[in-house]
Structure formats: structure tokens, C-alpha cells
Amino acid sequence: MVDLDKAKQRLLDLKQEYQTRVHKIQYDMQNPDTDMTQDWDDQAVINEQNDVRKNLLVEAQHNLELVNNALLRIENGTYGICAVSGEEIEPTRLEAVPFATTCMKHAK
């Protein structure tokens, strides 16, 4: 049996972490380091950094959405239930992946 209060707090902590990440990445993208001179090599480095930031932003936004969906499942009473089989998701899986929607059998 899953401790819903503990799971909710863990998800809220993750939500805060992902929101902070999203805001920091967005800030960094909007406020690039202007100390670098604008020669071709520096521009290439800045472009590469922006590509990495965009990928990190997409990942953080996706994970934030997963966390928000898990919080909704807690509210509607479906948290910890496999979306495929309707059986209980293993507590160890939820400990490792608190926003999991499937049991180990159906995660593959």
C-alpha cells in the first residue's frame, strides 16, 4: 500500500525542483552571458549552449507535466494504479519513479 501523503509531498518537492529548473533555464536563455566577445568561435559556443539549454528545458517541462499528472491522480484516487492492468503499481517502482503510470510488467 502506498502512503499517499508521503507520495504527495515527494511529488510536490519534485514539482518545485522542476519549476525552479524551468525558470532558471528560461532566464539563462533570455539573458545570455554577454561577457564573451562576439567572434565566430564564441558565437558557436553560445549556440551550442542554447541547444543544450533547449533540450534541458523540454525535459524539465515534460517531467513537470508528469508530476502534475501524478498529483491529479492522487486527487482523483487513481495514483498507484497501473493504467494498463488496473492493478496496484509496486511501491518500490513508485519510490523510484513517483510519477509512474504503469506497473513493472507494463513499463517495458
C-alpha atoms as a PDB file:
ATOM      1  CA  MET A   1       0.000   0.000   0.000  1.00  0.00           C
ATOM      2  CA  VAL A   2       1.284   3.424  -0.947  1.00  0.00           C
ATOM      3  CA  ASP A   3       1.499   6.202   1.642  1.00  0.00           C
ATOM      4  CA  LEU A   4      -0.355   8.913  -0.301  1.00  0.00           C
ATOM      5  CA  ASP A   5       0.718  11.752   1.992  1.00  0.00           C
ATOM      6  CA  LYS A   6       4.366  10.803   1.581  1.00  0.00           C
ATOM      7  CA  ALA A   7       3.930  10.375  -2.185  1.00  0.00           C
ATOM      8  CA  LYS A   8       2.174  13.737  -2.491  1.00  0.00           C
ATOM      9  CA  GLN A   9       4.935  15.522  -0.566  1.00  0.00           C
ATOM     10  CA  ARG A  10       7.603  13.874  -2.706  1.00  0.00           C
ATOM     11  CA  LEU A  11       5.749  14.929  -5.859  1.00  0.00           C
ATOM     12  CA  LEU A  12       5.330  18.489  -4.560  1.00  0.00           C
ATOM     13  CA  ASP A  13       9.076  18.618  -3.874  1.00  0.00           C
ATOM     14  CA  LEU A  14       9.768  17.380  -7.414  1.00  0.00           C
ATOM     15  CA  LYS A  15       7.302  19.919  -8.804  1.00  0.00           C
ATOM     16  CA  GLN A  16       9.177  22.734  -7.061  1.00  0.00           C
ATOM     17  CA  GLU A  17      12.503  21.398  -8.314  1.00  0.00           C
ATOM     18  CA  TYR A  18      11.288  21.202 -11.937  1.00  0.00           C
ATOM     19  CA  GLN A  19       9.629  24.627 -11.780  1.00  0.00           C
ATOM     20  CA  THR A  20      12.874  26.130 -10.484  1.00  0.00           C
ATOM     21  CA  ARG A  21      14.793  24.381 -13.255  1.00  0.00           C
ATOM     22  CA  VAL A  22      12.402  25.632 -15.943  1.00  0.00           C
ATOM     23  CA  HIS A  23      12.598  29.217 -14.692  1.00  0.00           C
ATOM     24  CA  LYS A  24      16.408  29.146 -14.422  1.00  0.00           C
ATOM     25  CA  ILE A  25      16.852  27.714 -17.913  1.00  0.00           C
ATOM     26  CA  GLN A  26      14.397  30.222 -19.381  1.00  0.00           C
ATOM     27  CA  TYR A  27      16.229  33.053 -17.601  1.00  0.00           C
ATOM     28  CA  ASP A  28      19.612  31.831 -18.848  1.00  0.00           C
ATOM     29  CA  MET A  29      18.297  31.613 -22.408  1.00  0.00           C
ATOM     30  CA  GLN A  30      16.834  35.121 -22.267  1.00  0.00           C
ATOM     31  CA  ASN A  31      19.911  36.590 -20.585  1.00  0.00           C
ATOM     32  CA  PRO A  32      22.971  35.105 -22.275  1.00  0.00           C
ATOM     33  CA  ASP A  33      26.397  35.711 -20.862  1.00  0.00           C
ATOM     34  CA  THR A  34      27.410  38.968 -22.506  1.00  0.00           C
ATOM     35  CA  ASP A  35      30.984  38.881 -21.231  1.00  0.00           C
ATOM     36  CA  MET A  36      32.008  36.787 -24.212  1.00  0.00           C
ATOM     37  CA  THR A  37      33.263  38.597 -27.240  1.00  0.00           C
ATOM     38  CA  GLN A  38      31.227  38.032 -30.356  1.00  0.00           C
ATOM     39  CA  ASP A  39      33.769  36.355 -32.601  1.00  0.00           C
ATOM     40  CA  TRP A  40      32.782  33.256 -34.578  1.00  0.00           C
ATOM     41  CA  ASP A  41      34.132  30.769 -32.039  1.00  0.00           C
ATOM     42  CA  ASP A  42      32.284  32.426 -29.172  1.00  0.00           C
ATOM     43  CA  GLN A  43      29.065  32.535 -31.166  1.00  0.00           C
ATOM     44  CA  ALA A  44      29.401  28.822 -31.878  1.00  0.00           C
ATOM     45  CA  VAL A  45      29.826  28.125 -28.164  1.00  0.00           C
ATOM     46  CA  ILE A  46      26.787  30.263 -27.314  1.00  0.00           C
ATOM     47  CA  ASN A  47      24.684  28.479 -29.943  1.00  0.00           C
ATOM     48  CA  GLU A  48      25.766  25.092 -28.608  1.00  0.00           C
ATOM     49  CA  GLN A  49      24.926  26.159 -25.044  1.00  0.00           C
ATOM     50  CA  ASN A  50      21.493  27.321 -26.200  1.00  0.00           C
ATOM     51  CA  ASP A  51      20.838  23.960 -27.875  1.00  0.00           C
ATOM     52  CA  VAL A  52      21.721  22.185 -24.630  1.00  0.00           C
ATOM     53  CA  ARG A  53      19.510  24.588 -22.664  1.00  0.00           C
ATOM     54  CA  LYS A  54      16.581  23.978 -25.024  1.00  0.00           C
ATOM     55  CA  ASN A  55      16.916  20.217 -24.549  1.00  0.00           C
ATOM     56  CA  LEU A  56      17.114  20.611 -20.765  1.00  0.00           C
ATOM     57  CA  LEU A  57      14.082  22.907 -20.843  1.00  0.00           C
ATOM     58  CA  VAL A  58      11.999  20.411 -22.822  1.00  0.00           C
ATOM     59  CA  GLU A  59      12.992  17.623 -20.423  1.00  0.00           C
ATOM     60  CA  ALA A  60      12.188  19.703 -17.321  1.00  0.00           C
ATOM     61  CA  GLN A  61       8.829  20.801 -18.748  1.00  0.00           C
ATOM     62  CA  HIS A  62       7.964  17.192 -19.631  1.00  0.00           C
ATOM     63  CA  ASN A  63       8.878  15.960 -16.153  1.00  0.00           C
ATOM     64  CA  LEU A  64       6.877  18.808 -14.594  1.00  0.00           C
ATOM     65  CA  GLU A  65       3.852  17.686 -16.613  1.00  0.00           C
ATOM     66  CA  LEU A  66       4.344  14.082 -15.436  1.00  0.00           C
ATOM     67  CA  VAL A  67       4.499  15.253 -11.813  1.00  0.00           C
ATOM     68  CA  ASN A  68       1.379  17.412 -12.197  1.00  0.00           C
ATOM     69  CA  ASN A  69      -0.473  14.461 -13.715  1.00  0.00           C
ATOM     70  CA  ALA A  70       0.582  12.252 -10.793  1.00  0.00           C
ATOM     71  CA  LEU A  71      -0.712  14.872  -8.341  1.00  0.00           C
ATOM     72  CA  LEU A  72      -4.042  14.838 -10.197  1.00  0.00           C
ATOM     73  CA  ARG A  73      -4.137  11.043  -9.899  1.00  0.00           C
ATOM     74  CA  ILE A  74      -3.685  11.388  -6.136  1.00  0.00           C
ATOM     75  CA  GLU A  75      -6.620  13.805  -6.049  1.00  0.00           C
ATOM     76  CA  ASN A  76      -8.901  11.568  -8.126  1.00  0.00           C
ATOM     77  CA  GLY A  77      -7.919   8.331  -6.372  1.00  0.00           C
ATOM     78  CA  THR A  78      -6.094   6.616  -9.236  1.00  0.00           C
ATOM     79  CA  TYR A  79      -2.499   7.162  -8.077  1.00  0.00           C
ATOM     80  CA  GLY A  80      -0.570   3.905  -7.824  1.00  0.00           C
ATOM     81  CA  ILE A  81      -2.922   2.052 -10.170  1.00  0.00           C
ATOM     82  CA  CYS A  82      -1.471   0.656 -13.406  1.00  0.00           C
ATOM     83  CA  ALA A  83      -3.061   2.374 -16.409  1.00  0.00           C
ATOM     84  CA  VAL A  84      -2.851  -0.878 -18.391  1.00  0.00           C
ATOM     85  CA  SER A  85      -3.920  -3.614 -15.968  1.00  0.00           C
ATOM     86  CA  GLY A  86      -5.738  -1.665 -13.249  1.00  0.00           C
ATOM     87  CA  GLU A  87      -3.582  -3.445 -10.663  1.00  0.00           C
ATOM     88  CA  GLU A  88      -1.535  -1.768  -7.953  1.00  0.00           C
ATOM     89  CA  ILE A  89       1.850  -0.399  -9.046  1.00  0.00           C
ATOM     90  CA  GLU A  90       4.671  -1.828  -6.941  1.00  0.00           C
ATOM     91  CA  PRO A  91       5.607   0.541  -4.087  1.00  0.00           C
ATOM     92  CA  THR A  92       9.299   0.145  -4.976  1.00  0.00           C
ATOM     93  CA  ARG A  93       8.536   1.362  -8.515  1.00  0.00           C
ATOM     94  CA  LEU A  94       6.660   4.386  -7.182  1.00  0.00           C
ATOM     95  CA  GLU A  95       9.560   5.063  -4.834  1.00  0.00           C
ATOM     96  CA  ALA A  96      11.941   5.089  -7.791  1.00  0.00           C
ATOM     97  CA  VAL A  97       9.576   6.804 -10.261  1.00  0.00           C
ATOM     98  CA  PRO A  98       6.896   8.636  -8.252  1.00  0.00           C
ATOM     99  CA  PHE A  99       5.007   9.673 -11.391  1.00  0.00           C
ATOM    100  CA  ALA A 100       4.872   6.136 -12.867  1.00  0.00           C
ATOM    101  CA  THR A 101       1.597   5.223 -14.569  1.00  0.00           C
ATOM    102  CA  THR A 102       2.273   1.528 -15.094  1.00  0.00           C
ATOM    103  CA  CYS A 103       3.482  -1.433 -13.081  1.00  0.00           C
ATOM    104  CA  MET A 104       6.859  -3.007 -13.820  1.00  0.00           C
ATOM    105  CA  LYS A 105       5.285  -5.619 -16.103  1.00  0.00           C
ATOM    106  CA  HIS A 106       3.713  -2.981 -18.345  1.00  0.00           C
ATOM    107  CA  ALA A 107       6.575  -0.465 -18.175  1.00  0.00           C
ATOM    108  CA  LYS A 108       8.568  -2.398 -20.739  1.00  0.00           C
END
